Amino acid sequence: MFLYKYFTDTTFYIYSRNKENDSYELKYSFDNSGISKFKHSVYAYALYFTPYRFAKSIYLYSGYHRIAKSIRNTVAGITYLTITFDNEKTMDDWDTCDEEIDGNHWLQPGFKRLWASIDTDNPLERKYLNFKA
């Protein structure tokens, strides 16, 4: 039964990881494609909005499969946001989808005012620099 559920579960989940104790917390679950909701969550995470204010990283899963991970890190006083995808299609979906809001306001304009896209050597990654931190 476990293996069947592993390969057939189409539920999507967004988790965050607490930066103080490394615990995982389920933030959302839903039955449709999750990349547009994940995009909204990444914007909220990058902007330090609730419920991601104390998150170390956030993840998008489909069943037990990790689709994407977003993490902030600071190097030499500069903060970067890195999103790593499981494959090119997921990354292309990220590039072309709009954020899907959940009753709140659009976060993309605020994100674009503070974060700039930068090049990366990893072909399954998108990286941003916070230029107004």
Protein backbone atom coordinates (compact mmCIF):
# COMPACT_ATOMS: atom_id res chain seq x y z
CA MET A 1 0.00 0.00 0.00
CA PHE A 2 2.80 2.41 0.87
CA LEU A 3 4.51 2.03 -2.52
CA TYR A 4 1.22 2.46 -4.35
CA LYS A 5 0.55 5.72 -2.46
CA TYR A 6 4.14 6.83 -3.09
CA PHE A 7 3.73 6.59 -6.86
CA THR A 8 0.08 7.69 -7.19
CA ASP A 9 -0.37 10.52 -4.68
CA THR A 10 -1.23 13.71 -6.61
CA THR A 11 -1.64 15.95 -3.59
CA PHE A 12 0.76 18.90 -3.42
CA TYR A 13 2.25 20.20 -0.17
CA ILE A 14 4.17 23.31 0.82
CA TYR A 15 6.40 22.87 3.87
CA SER A 16 8.63 25.30 5.69
CA ARG A 17 11.67 24.49 7.79
CA ASN A 18 12.13 26.44 11.01
CA LYS A 19 15.54 28.13 11.19
CA GLU A 20 15.79 27.78 14.98
CA ASN A 21 15.13 24.06 15.43
CA ASP A 22 15.11 22.63 11.86
CA SER A 23 11.59 21.24 12.30
CA TYR A 24 9.30 20.94 9.28
CA GLU A 25 5.83 22.46 9.25
CA LEU A 26 3.10 21.80 6.71
CA LYS A 27 1.80 25.15 5.47
CA TYR A 28 -0.58 24.17 2.66
CA SER A 29 -1.93 21.11 0.86
CA PHE A 30 -3.98 21.13 -2.33
CA ASP A 31 -4.99 18.86 -5.19
CA ASN A 32 -4.04 20.93 -8.24
CA SER A 33 -0.67 21.87 -9.68
CA GLY A 34 1.33 23.56 -7.01
CA ILE A 35 3.94 25.66 -8.78
CA SER A 36 1.84 28.85 -8.92
CA LYS A 37 0.96 28.58 -5.22
CA PHE A 38 4.59 27.82 -4.46
CA LYS A 39 5.58 30.97 -6.36
CA HIS A 40 3.32 33.04 -4.11
CA SER A 41 4.82 31.31 -1.07
CA VAL A 42 8.37 31.99 -2.29
CA TYR A 43 7.54 35.67 -2.65
CA ALA A 44 6.11 35.71 0.89
CA TYR A 45 9.21 33.89 2.17
CA ALA A 46 11.59 36.28 0.37
CA LEU A 47 9.73 39.26 1.81
CA TYR A 48 9.75 37.77 5.36
CA PHE A 49 5.95 37.69 5.48
CA THR A 50 3.90 35.48 7.76
CA PRO A 51 3.81 32.45 7.79
CA TYR A 52 7.44 32.32 6.61
CA ARG A 53 9.02 34.97 8.84
CA PHE A 54 11.05 32.38 10.80
CA ALA A 55 11.55 29.87 8.01
CA LYS A 56 14.99 28.62 7.02
CA SER A 57 13.68 27.26 3.71
CA ILE A 58 10.45 26.21 1.99
CA TYR A 59 9.63 23.18 -0.14
CA LEU A 60 7.07 22.03 -2.68
CA TYR A 61 6.24 18.33 -2.69
CA SER A 62 3.97 16.20 -4.83
CA GLY A 63 3.16 13.27 -2.60
CA TYR A 64 6.58 12.22 -1.32
CA HIS A 65 8.55 13.73 -4.21
CA ARG A 66 10.26 17.10 -3.69
CA ILE A 67 9.59 19.34 -6.68
CA ALA A 68 11.30 22.54 -5.54
CA LYS A 69 13.23 24.08 -2.68
CA SER A 70 13.73 27.75 -1.88
CA ILE A 71 16.37 28.97 0.54
CA ARG A 72 17.80 32.36 1.55
CA ASN A 73 21.46 32.66 2.43
CA THR A 74 23.75 35.58 3.17
CA VAL A 75 27.31 35.74 1.89
CA ALA A 76 29.56 38.69 2.72
CA GLY A 77 26.52 40.74 3.77
CA ILE A 78 24.59 40.05 0.55
CA THR A 79 21.38 38.01 0.73
CA TYR A 80 20.56 35.53 -2.04
CA LEU A 81 17.42 33.55 -2.73
CA THR A 82 17.97 30.25 -4.52
CA ILE A 83 15.20 28.07 -5.91
CA THR A 84 16.20 24.58 -7.00
CA PHE A 85 13.87 22.49 -9.17
CA ASP A 86 13.65 18.75 -9.76
CA ASN A 87 13.60 19.04 -13.57
CA GLU A 88 13.51 21.47 -16.49
CA LYS A 89 9.74 21.28 -16.97
CA THR A 90 9.12 22.38 -13.39
CA MET A 91 11.58 25.22 -13.83
CA ASP A 92 9.90 26.25 -17.10
CA ASP A 93 6.52 26.15 -15.33
CA TRP A 94 7.97 28.48 -12.67
CA ASP A 95 9.20 30.87 -15.34
CA THR A 96 5.84 31.05 -17.15
CA CYS A 97 3.21 30.79 -14.40
CA ASP A 98 1.63 33.63 -12.46
CA GLU A 99 1.54 33.50 -8.71
CA GLU A 100 -1.72 32.13 -7.35
CA ILE A 101 -2.92 34.14 -4.40
CA ASP A 102 -5.01 32.78 -1.56
CA GLY A 103 -7.15 35.80 -0.74
CA ASN A 104 -4.19 38.07 0.00
CA HIS A 105 -2.66 40.65 -2.29
CA TRP A 106 -0.20 40.02 -5.10
CA LEU A 107 3.36 39.79 -3.81
CA GLN A 108 5.25 39.81 -7.12
CA PRO A 109 5.49 43.65 -7.34
CA GLY A 110 7.08 43.86 -3.88
CA PHE A 111 9.40 40.99 -4.71
CA LYS A 112 10.57 42.64 -7.94
CA ARG A 113 11.30 45.91 -6.12
CA LEU A 114 13.75 44.15 -3.77
CA TRP A 115 15.12 41.16 -5.67
CA ALA A 116 16.98 40.92 -8.98
CA SER A 117 17.48 37.74 -10.99
CA ILE A 118 21.13 36.73 -11.41
CA ASP A 119 22.90 34.03 -13.41
CA THR A 120 23.75 30.66 -11.92
CA ASP A 121 25.82 27.71 -13.13
CA ASN A 122 23.17 25.19 -12.08
CA PRO A 123 20.73 24.57 -14.99
CA LEU A 124 17.93 23.61 -12.54
CA GLU A 125 18.18 26.73 -10.43
CA ARG A 126 16.88 30.28 -10.31
CA LYS A 127 18.84 32.71 -8.18
CA TYR A 128 18.00 36.21 -6.97
CA LEU A 129 19.98 38.93 -5.22
CA ASN A 130 18.42 41.19 -2.64
CA PHE A 131 19.73 44.59 -3.70
CA LYS A 132 17.85 46.68 -1.13
CA ALA A 133 18.60 44.78 2.07
